[in-house]
Amino acid sequence: VGYAHFNVLTGHGYAQKSWYDNIGEEDETPLSEIFSAYRHFHPDDRALLIRFLDDARKGLTTKLSKEMRVLREDGTYTWTHVNLLVKKYAPQDRIIEIISINYDITELKRTEEMLVKARDKAEASDRLKSAFLANMSHEIRTPLNAIIGFSNILASTEEEQEKQEYINIIENNNTLLLQLVGDILELSKIESGTLEFVFSDLDLNALFKEIEESAQLRQKNEAVPIRYIPEMPD
């Protein structure tokens, strides 16, 4: 904690070494030079300090408490909490005495920044999880609709070829449903960082054919047909 007192009108005053350190100034620098320029403060904070001193001279304000950034020699900024208080206001006697108390809060600000980043990361993770589960709940309904729909049709169909076709669709959607449930269970592995990738060949024509059949079950506007044209291999 640094302490200083200063008469704005005469330029006389005293400051501890810690006070100089907290605002990036060399020890024994005349206080009149510091209070007139505050050259090591961030421009925005400097303007605030100079405005306070102007208002203090006019008797318009008596105190200021603010977290401010201090430019260091290596080009980085540290944080200092600055408290200014007009102890005695007697301009007729050439006395406007100001007490200044400051202390370094750089570590506190860094900790706050880390906590904010951790909070934002947690909130983003929560939003992604909610979006994932919402999407999965929608995707699960697609194979379920296909399974229920073709099961009802299968029960009223007598032609063996049609039955086999419907059975294949139901089995394919059973597989898709199991895969979706597995994806939901994989979410915990993603969060714990233990997700394993399994690479395998995929028949895109078969996949899109299944999507076409499932989408047709939910189609409401028959004027807009849903069709998939298989891509023939080269």
C-alpha atoms as a PDB file:
ATOM      1  CA  VAL A   1       0.000   0.000   0.000  1.00  0.00           C
ATOM      2  CA  GLY A   2       1.372   3.393  -0.990  1.00  0.00           C
ATOM      3  CA  TYR A   3       0.642   6.744   0.652  1.00  0.00           C
ATOM      4  CA  ALA A   4       1.165  10.335  -0.496  1.00  0.00           C
ATOM      5  CA  HIS A   5      -0.160  13.793   0.306  1.00  0.00           C
ATOM      6  CA  PHE A   6       0.162  16.788  -1.957  1.00  0.00           C
ATOM      7  CA  ASN A   7      -0.828  20.453  -2.056  1.00  0.00           C
ATOM      8  CA  VAL A   8      -2.157  21.074  -5.535  1.00  0.00           C
ATOM      9  CA  LEU A   9      -1.613  24.850  -5.324  1.00  0.00           C
ATOM     10  CA  THR A  10       1.975  24.910  -4.022  1.00  0.00           C
ATOM     11  CA  GLY A  11       3.352  21.636  -5.342  1.00  0.00           C
ATOM     12  CA  HIS A  12       4.615  20.581  -1.930  1.00  0.00           C
ATOM     13  CA  GLY A  13       4.098  17.044  -0.720  1.00  0.00           C
ATOM     14  CA  TYR A  14       5.484  13.671   0.307  1.00  0.00           C
ATOM     15  CA  ALA A  15       5.103  10.090  -0.952  1.00  0.00           C
ATOM     16  CA  GLN A  16       6.286   6.658   0.126  1.00  0.00           C
ATOM     17  CA  LYS A  17       8.433   4.517  -2.165  1.00  0.00           C
ATOM     18  CA  SER A  18       5.604   1.989  -2.484  1.00  0.00           C
ATOM     19  CA  TRP A  19       3.341   4.759  -3.777  1.00  0.00           C
ATOM     20  CA  TYR A  20       5.813   5.504  -6.555  1.00  0.00           C
ATOM     21  CA  ASP A  21       6.156   1.805  -7.390  1.00  0.00           C
ATOM     22  CA  ASN A  22       2.412   1.304  -7.662  1.00  0.00           C
ATOM     23  CA  ILE A  23       2.070   3.982 -10.363  1.00  0.00           C
ATOM     24  CA  GLY A  24       5.265   3.178 -12.246  1.00  0.00           C
ATOM     25  CA  GLU A  25       7.226   6.281 -11.242  1.00  0.00           C
ATOM     26  CA  GLU A  26      10.808   6.554 -10.042  1.00  0.00           C
ATOM     27  CA  ASP A  27      11.316   7.240  -6.369  1.00  0.00           C
ATOM     28  CA  GLU A  28      11.786  10.901  -5.427  1.00  0.00           C
ATOM     29  CA  THR A  29      10.173  12.179  -8.647  1.00  0.00           C
ATOM     30  CA  PRO A  30       8.668  15.618  -7.825  1.00  0.00           C
ATOM     31  CA  LEU A  31       4.994  15.120  -7.042  1.00  0.00           C
ATOM     32  CA  SER A  32       4.101  18.230  -9.034  1.00  0.00           C
ATOM     33  CA  GLU A  33       5.341  16.442 -12.190  1.00  0.00           C
ATOM     34  CA  ILE A  34       3.312  13.344 -11.428  1.00  0.00           C
ATOM     35  CA  PHE A  35       0.056  15.052 -10.480  1.00  0.00           C
ATOM     36  CA  SER A  36       0.181  17.292 -13.543  1.00  0.00           C
ATOM     37  CA  ALA A  37       0.715  14.555 -16.137  1.00  0.00           C
ATOM     38  CA  TYR A  38       0.177  11.038 -14.739  1.00  0.00           C
ATOM     39  CA  ARG A  39       2.234   9.938 -17.752  1.00  0.00           C
ATOM     40  CA  HIS A  40       2.367   6.236 -16.845  1.00  0.00           C
ATOM     41  CA  PHE A  41      -1.387   5.741 -16.700  1.00  0.00           C
ATOM     42  CA  HIS A  42      -3.541   4.431 -19.516  1.00  0.00           C
ATOM     43  CA  PRO A  43      -4.877   7.406 -21.563  1.00  0.00           C
ATOM     44  CA  ASP A  44      -8.465   6.818 -20.450  1.00  0.00           C
ATOM     45  CA  ASP A  45      -7.470   6.615 -16.784  1.00  0.00           C
ATOM     46  CA  ARG A  46      -5.117   9.559 -17.121  1.00  0.00           C
ATOM     47  CA  ALA A  47      -7.937  11.743 -18.424  1.00  0.00           C
ATOM     48  CA  LEU A  48     -10.080  10.724 -15.434  1.00  0.00           C
ATOM     49  CA  LEU A  49      -7.348  11.656 -12.941  1.00  0.00           C
ATOM     50  CA  ILE A  50      -6.625  15.008 -14.551  1.00  0.00           C
ATOM     51  CA  ARG A  51     -10.340  15.802 -14.625  1.00  0.00           C
ATOM     52  CA  PHE A  52     -10.586  14.968 -10.917  1.00  0.00           C
ATOM     53  CA  LEU A  53      -7.748  17.366 -10.080  1.00  0.00           C
ATOM     54  CA  ASP A  54      -9.360  20.137 -12.133  1.00  0.00           C
ATOM     55  CA  ASP A  55     -12.685  19.605 -10.355  1.00  0.00           C
ATOM     56  CA  ALA A  56     -10.908  19.429  -6.976  1.00  0.00           C
ATOM     57  CA  ARG A  57      -9.314  22.832  -7.604  1.00  0.00           C
ATOM     58  CA  LYS A  58     -12.768  24.228  -8.332  1.00  0.00           C
ATOM     59  CA  GLY A  59     -14.287  22.610  -5.246  1.00  0.00           C
ATOM     60  CA  LEU A  60     -16.589  20.425  -7.330  1.00  0.00           C
ATOM     61  CA  THR A  61     -15.445  17.053  -5.977  1.00  0.00           C
ATOM     62  CA  THR A  62     -13.690  15.641  -2.926  1.00  0.00           C
ATOM     63  CA  LYS A  63     -12.867  11.996  -3.639  1.00  0.00           C
ATOM     64  CA  LEU A  64     -12.107   9.426  -6.304  1.00  0.00           C
ATOM     65  CA  SER A  65     -11.740   5.639  -6.039  1.00  0.00           C
ATOM     66  CA  LYS A  66     -10.909   3.764  -9.224  1.00  0.00           C
ATOM     67  CA  GLU A  67      -9.092   0.733 -10.640  1.00  0.00           C
ATOM     68  CA  MET A  68      -6.543   2.015 -13.153  1.00  0.00           C
ATOM     69  CA  ARG A  69      -3.979   0.657 -15.601  1.00  0.00           C
ATOM     70  CA  VAL A  70      -0.311   1.574 -15.276  1.00  0.00           C
ATOM     71  CA  LEU A  71       2.117   1.298 -18.194  1.00  0.00           C
ATOM     72  CA  ARG A  72       5.377  -0.419 -17.275  1.00  0.00           C
ATOM     73  CA  GLU A  73       8.796  -0.134 -18.920  1.00  0.00           C
ATOM     74  CA  ASP A  74       8.375  -3.468 -20.745  1.00  0.00           C
ATOM     75  CA  GLY A  75       5.215  -2.192 -22.447  1.00  0.00           C
ATOM     76  CA  THR A  76       2.748  -4.167 -20.339  1.00  0.00           C
ATOM     77  CA  TYR A  77       0.004  -2.776 -18.133  1.00  0.00           C
ATOM     78  CA  THR A  78      -0.503  -3.568 -14.477  1.00  0.00           C
ATOM     79  CA  TRP A  79      -3.482  -2.614 -12.323  1.00  0.00           C
ATOM     80  CA  THR A  80      -3.478  -0.216  -9.384  1.00  0.00           C
ATOM     81  CA  HIS A  81      -6.402   0.820  -7.213  1.00  0.00           C
ATOM     82  CA  VAL A  82      -6.178   4.586  -6.731  1.00  0.00           C
ATOM     83  CA  ASN A  83      -7.921   6.475  -3.930  1.00  0.00           C
ATOM     84  CA  LEU A  84      -7.807  10.281  -3.870  1.00  0.00           C
ATOM     85  CA  LEU A  85      -9.319  12.417  -1.130  1.00  0.00           C
ATOM     86  CA  VAL A  86      -9.369  16.185  -0.668  1.00  0.00           C
ATOM     87  CA  LYS A  87      -8.266  16.477   2.960  1.00  0.00           C
ATOM     88  CA  LYS A  88      -8.268  20.258   3.197  1.00  0.00           C
ATOM     89  CA  TYR A  89      -9.818  22.790   0.839  1.00  0.00           C
ATOM     90  CA  ALA A  90      -8.730  26.362   1.574  1.00  0.00           C
ATOM     91  CA  PRO A  91      -7.787  28.004  -1.729  1.00  0.00           C
ATOM     92  CA  GLN A  92      -7.817  31.401  -0.043  1.00  0.00           C
ATOM     93  CA  ASP A  93      -4.828  30.192   1.971  1.00  0.00           C
ATOM     94  CA  ARG A  94      -3.264  28.465  -1.064  1.00  0.00           C
ATOM     95  CA  ILE A  95      -4.118  25.058   0.351  1.00  0.00           C
ATOM     96  CA  ILE A  96      -5.870  22.250  -1.500  1.00  0.00           C
ATOM     97  CA  GLU A  97      -4.368  19.189   0.112  1.00  0.00           C
ATOM     98  CA  ILE A  98      -5.001  15.790  -1.415  1.00  0.00           C
ATOM     99  CA  ILE A  99      -4.285  12.415   0.159  1.00  0.00           C
ATOM    100  CA  SER A 100      -3.521   9.565  -2.241  1.00  0.00           C
ATOM    101  CA  ILE A 101      -3.560   5.889  -1.263  1.00  0.00           C
ATOM    102  CA  ASN A 102      -2.880   3.198  -3.850  1.00  0.00           C
ATOM    103  CA  TYR A 103      -2.191  -0.537  -3.972  1.00  0.00           C
ATOM    104  CA  ASP A 104      -1.348  -3.012  -6.710  1.00  0.00           C
ATOM    105  CA  ILE A 105      -4.229  -5.302  -7.737  1.00  0.00           C
ATOM    106  CA  THR A 106      -2.649  -6.909 -10.814  1.00  0.00           C
ATOM    107  CA  GLU A 107      -2.861 -10.478  -9.480  1.00  0.00           C
ATOM    108  CA  LEU A 108      -6.471  -9.923  -8.478  1.00  0.00           C
ATOM    109  CA  LYS A 109      -7.359  -8.672 -11.980  1.00  0.00           C
ATOM    110  CA  ARG A 110      -5.585 -11.636 -13.570  1.00  0.00           C
ATOM    111  CA  THR A 111      -7.496 -14.013 -11.335  1.00  0.00           C
ATOM    112  CA  GLU A 112     -10.762 -12.282 -12.248  1.00  0.00           C
ATOM    113  CA  GLU A 113      -9.889 -12.596 -15.946  1.00  0.00           C
ATOM    114  CA  MET A 114      -9.195 -16.306 -15.549  1.00  0.00           C
ATOM    115  CA  LEU A 115     -12.492 -16.795 -13.717  1.00  0.00           C
ATOM    116  CA  VAL A 116     -14.396 -14.913 -16.430  1.00  0.00           C
ATOM    117  CA  LYS A 117     -12.800 -17.068 -19.142  1.00  0.00           C
ATOM    118  CA  ALA A 118     -13.604 -20.226 -17.184  1.00  0.00           C
ATOM    119  CA  ARG A 119     -17.201 -19.066 -16.715  1.00  0.00           C
ATOM    120  CA  ASP A 120     -17.585 -18.223 -20.423  1.00  0.00           C
ATOM    121  CA  LYS A 121     -16.109 -21.596 -21.386  1.00  0.00           C
ATOM    122  CA  ALA A 122     -18.513 -23.411 -19.045  1.00  0.00           C
ATOM    123  CA  GLU A 123     -21.489 -21.464 -20.391  1.00  0.00           C
ATOM    124  CA  ALA A 124     -20.447 -22.170 -23.987  1.00  0.00           C
ATOM    125  CA  SER A 125     -20.069 -25.864 -23.163  1.00  0.00           C
ATOM    126  CA  ASP A 126     -23.522 -25.890 -21.576  1.00  0.00           C
ATOM    127  CA  ARG A 127     -25.058 -24.215 -24.644  1.00  0.00           C
ATOM    128  CA  LEU A 128     -23.388 -26.717 -26.969  1.00  0.00           C
ATOM    129  CA  LYS A 129     -24.604 -29.611 -24.838  1.00  0.00           C
ATOM    130  CA  SER A 130     -28.166 -28.270 -24.848  1.00  0.00           C
ATOM    131  CA  ALA A 131     -28.051 -27.754 -28.627  1.00  0.00           C
ATOM    132  CA  PHE A 132     -26.651 -31.256 -29.090  1.00  0.00           C
ATOM    133  CA  LEU A 133     -29.363 -32.874 -26.977  1.00  0.00           C
ATOM    134  CA  ALA A 134     -32.087 -30.826 -28.670  1.00  0.00           C
ATOM    135  CA  ASN A 135     -30.799 -31.906 -32.058  1.00  0.00           C
ATOM    136  CA  MET A 136     -30.535 -35.517 -30.966  1.00  0.00           C
ATOM    137  CA  SER A 137     -34.101 -35.523 -29.657  1.00  0.00           C
ATOM    138  CA  HIS A 138     -35.214 -34.341 -33.091  1.00  0.00           C
ATOM    139  CA  GLU A 139     -33.055 -36.889 -34.904  1.00  0.00           C
ATOM    140  CA  ILE A 140     -34.342 -39.742 -32.745  1.00  0.00           C
ATOM    141  CA  ARG A 141     -37.903 -39.008 -33.811  1.00  0.00           C
ATOM    142  CA  THR A 142     -37.002 -39.611 -37.466  1.00  0.00           C
ATOM    143  CA  PRO A 143     -36.129 -43.329 -37.200  1.00  0.00           C
ATOM    144  CA  LEU A 144     -38.867 -43.828 -34.617  1.00  0.00           C
ATOM    145  CA  ASN A 145     -41.443 -42.463 -37.052  1.00  0.00           C
ATOM    146  CA  ALA A 146     -40.096 -44.778 -39.731  1.00  0.00           C
ATOM    147  CA  ILE A 147     -40.177 -47.799 -37.428  1.00  0.00           C
ATOM    148  CA  ILE A 148     -43.713 -47.070 -36.224  1.00  0.00           C
ATOM    149  CA  GLY A 149     -45.003 -46.131 -39.669  1.00  0.00           C
ATOM    150  CA  PHE A 150     -43.629 -49.125 -41.559  1.00  0.00           C
ATOM    151  CA  SER A 151     -44.565 -51.470 -38.707  1.00  0.00           C
ATOM    152  CA  ASN A 152     -48.195 -50.406 -39.140  1.00  0.00           C
ATOM    153  CA  ILE A 153     -47.979 -50.836 -42.915  1.00  0.00           C
ATOM    154  CA  LEU A 154     -46.263 -54.211 -42.503  1.00  0.00           C
ATOM    155  CA  ALA A 155     -49.125 -55.472 -40.365  1.00  0.00           C
ATOM    156  CA  SER A 156     -51.627 -54.817 -43.169  1.00  0.00           C
ATOM    157  CA  THR A 157     -49.493 -55.952 -46.115  1.00  0.00           C
ATOM    158  CA  GLU A 158     -49.831 -59.430 -47.602  1.00  0.00           C
ATOM    159  CA  GLU A 159     -47.364 -59.285 -50.500  1.00  0.00           C
ATOM    160  CA  GLU A 160     -44.085 -60.884 -49.477  1.00  0.00           C
ATOM    161  CA  GLN A 161     -41.882 -58.565 -51.534  1.00  0.00           C
ATOM    162  CA  GLU A 162     -43.420 -55.500 -49.914  1.00  0.00           C
ATOM    163  CA  LYS A 163     -43.118 -57.074 -46.469  1.00  0.00           C
ATOM    164  CA  GLN A 164     -39.415 -57.725 -46.988  1.00  0.00           C
ATOM    165  CA  GLU A 165     -38.912 -54.159 -48.183  1.00  0.00           C
ATOM    166  CA  TYR A 166     -40.636 -52.768 -45.093  1.00  0.00           C
ATOM    167  CA  ILE A 167     -38.690 -55.128 -42.829  1.00  0.00           C
ATOM    168  CA  ASN A 168     -35.427 -53.871 -44.344  1.00  0.00           C
ATOM    169  CA  ILE A 169     -36.483 -50.266 -43.746  1.00  0.00           C
ATOM    170  CA  ILE A 170     -37.394 -51.033 -40.131  1.00  0.00           C
ATOM    171  CA  GLU A 171     -34.090 -52.828 -39.538  1.00  0.00           C
ATOM    172  CA  ASN A 172     -32.130 -49.975 -41.077  1.00  0.00           C
ATOM    173  CA  ASN A 173     -33.906 -47.446 -38.866  1.00  0.00           C
ATOM    174  CA  ASN A 174     -33.345 -49.685 -35.841  1.00  0.00           C
ATOM    175  CA  THR A 175     -29.635 -49.476 -36.612  1.00  0.00           C
ATOM    176  CA  LEU A 176     -29.846 -45.705 -37.053  1.00  0.00           C
ATOM    177  CA  LEU A 177     -31.701 -45.351 -33.754  1.00  0.00           C
ATOM    178  CA  LEU A 178     -29.081 -47.365 -31.914  1.00  0.00           C
ATOM    179  CA  GLN A 179     -26.390 -45.230 -33.501  1.00  0.00           C
ATOM    180  CA  LEU A 180     -28.090 -42.029 -32.335  1.00  0.00           C
ATOM    181  CA  VAL A 181     -28.422 -43.353 -28.799  1.00  0.00           C
ATOM    182  CA  GLY A 182     -24.738 -44.269 -28.938  1.00  0.00           C
ATOM    183  CA  ASP A 183     -23.903 -40.714 -30.043  1.00  0.00           C
ATOM    184  CA  ILE A 184     -25.678 -39.346 -27.004  1.00  0.00           C
ATOM    185  CA  LEU A 185     -23.695 -41.672 -24.758  1.00  0.00           C
ATOM    186  CA  GLU A 186     -20.492 -40.515 -26.494  1.00  0.00           C
ATOM    187  CA  LEU A 187     -21.151 -37.007 -25.187  1.00  0.00           C
ATOM    188  CA  SER A 188     -19.709 -37.963 -21.819  1.00  0.00           C
ATOM    189  CA  LYS A 189     -16.576 -39.232 -23.550  1.00  0.00           C
ATOM    190  CA  ILE A 190     -16.233 -35.960 -25.448  1.00  0.00           C
ATOM    191  CA  GLU A 191     -16.406 -33.985 -22.208  1.00  0.00           C
ATOM    192  CA  SER A 192     -13.847 -36.243 -20.506  1.00  0.00           C
ATOM    193  CA  GLY A 193     -11.513 -36.173 -23.512  1.00  0.00           C
ATOM    194  CA  THR A 194     -11.568 -39.962 -24.014  1.00  0.00           C
ATOM    195  CA  LEU A 195     -13.449 -40.093 -27.327  1.00  0.00           C
ATOM    196  CA  GLU A 196     -12.131 -42.697 -29.757  1.00  0.00           C
ATOM    197  CA  PHE A 197     -12.612 -42.355 -33.519  1.00  0.00           C
ATOM    198  CA  VAL A 198     -13.529 -45.413 -35.571  1.00  0.00           C
ATOM    199  CA  PHE A 199     -13.066 -45.069 -39.332  1.00  0.00           C
ATOM    200  CA  SER A 200     -14.977 -47.295 -41.740  1.00  0.00           C
ATOM    201  CA  ASP A 201     -16.310 -47.360 -45.290  1.00  0.00           C
ATOM    202  CA  LEU A 202     -19.751 -45.864 -45.924  1.00  0.00           C
ATOM    203  CA  ASP A 203     -22.229 -46.495 -48.707  1.00  0.00           C
ATOM    204  CA  LEU A 204     -23.584 -43.000 -49.362  1.00  0.00           C
ATOM    205  CA  ASN A 205     -26.218 -44.226 -51.803  1.00  0.00           C
ATOM    206  CA  ALA A 206     -27.665 -46.570 -49.179  1.00  0.00           C
ATOM    207  CA  LEU A 207     -27.547 -43.846 -46.524  1.00  0.00           C
ATOM    208  CA  PHE A 208     -29.391 -41.291 -48.647  1.00  0.00           C
ATOM    209  CA  LYS A 209     -31.895 -43.899 -49.750  1.00  0.00           C
ATOM    210  CA  GLU A 210     -32.764 -44.500 -46.074  1.00  0.00           C
ATOM    211  CA  ILE A 211     -33.098 -40.747 -45.511  1.00  0.00           C
ATOM    212  CA  GLU A 212     -35.394 -40.501 -48.547  1.00  0.00           C
ATOM    213  CA  GLU A 213     -37.657 -43.274 -47.274  1.00  0.00           C
ATOM    214  CA  SER A 214     -37.827 -41.797 -43.775  1.00  0.00           C
ATOM    215  CA  ALA A 215     -38.542 -38.294 -45.090  1.00  0.00           C
ATOM    216  CA  GLN A 216     -41.349 -39.546 -47.291  1.00  0.00           C
ATOM    217  CA  LEU A 217     -43.186 -40.799 -44.214  1.00  0.00           C
ATOM    218  CA  ARG A 218     -43.297 -37.262 -42.788  1.00  0.00           C
ATOM    219  CA  GLN A 219     -44.045 -35.546 -46.079  1.00  0.00           C
ATOM    220  CA  LYS A 220     -47.180 -33.384 -45.881  1.00  0.00           C
ATOM    221  CA  ASN A 221     -47.111 -31.654 -49.252  1.00  0.00           C
ATOM    222  CA  GLU A 222     -47.416 -34.351 -51.911  1.00  0.00           C
ATOM    223  CA  ALA A 223     -47.042 -31.724 -54.634  1.00  0.00           C
ATOM    224  CA  VAL A 224     -43.364 -31.491 -53.687  1.00  0.00           C
ATOM    225  CA  PRO A 225     -41.887 -34.966 -54.170  1.00  0.00           C
ATOM    226  CA  ILE A 226     -38.909 -36.153 -52.148  1.00  0.00           C
ATOM    227  CA  ARG A 227     -36.531 -38.149 -54.299  1.00  0.00           C
ATOM    228  CA  TYR A 228     -32.949 -39.277 -54.166  1.00  0.00           C
ATOM    229  CA  ILE A 229     -31.172 -40.160 -57.397  1.00  0.00           C
ATOM    230  CA  PRO A 230     -28.276 -42.556 -56.693  1.00  0.00           C
ATOM    231  CA  GLU A 231     -24.824 -41.492 -57.846  1.00  0.00           C
ATOM    232  CA  MET A 232     -23.389 -44.129 -60.128  1.00  0.00           C
ATOM    233  CA  PRO A 233     -19.726 -45.070 -59.567  1.00  0.00           C
ATOM    234  CA  ASP A 234     -17.202 -44.126 -62.258  1.00  0.00           C
END
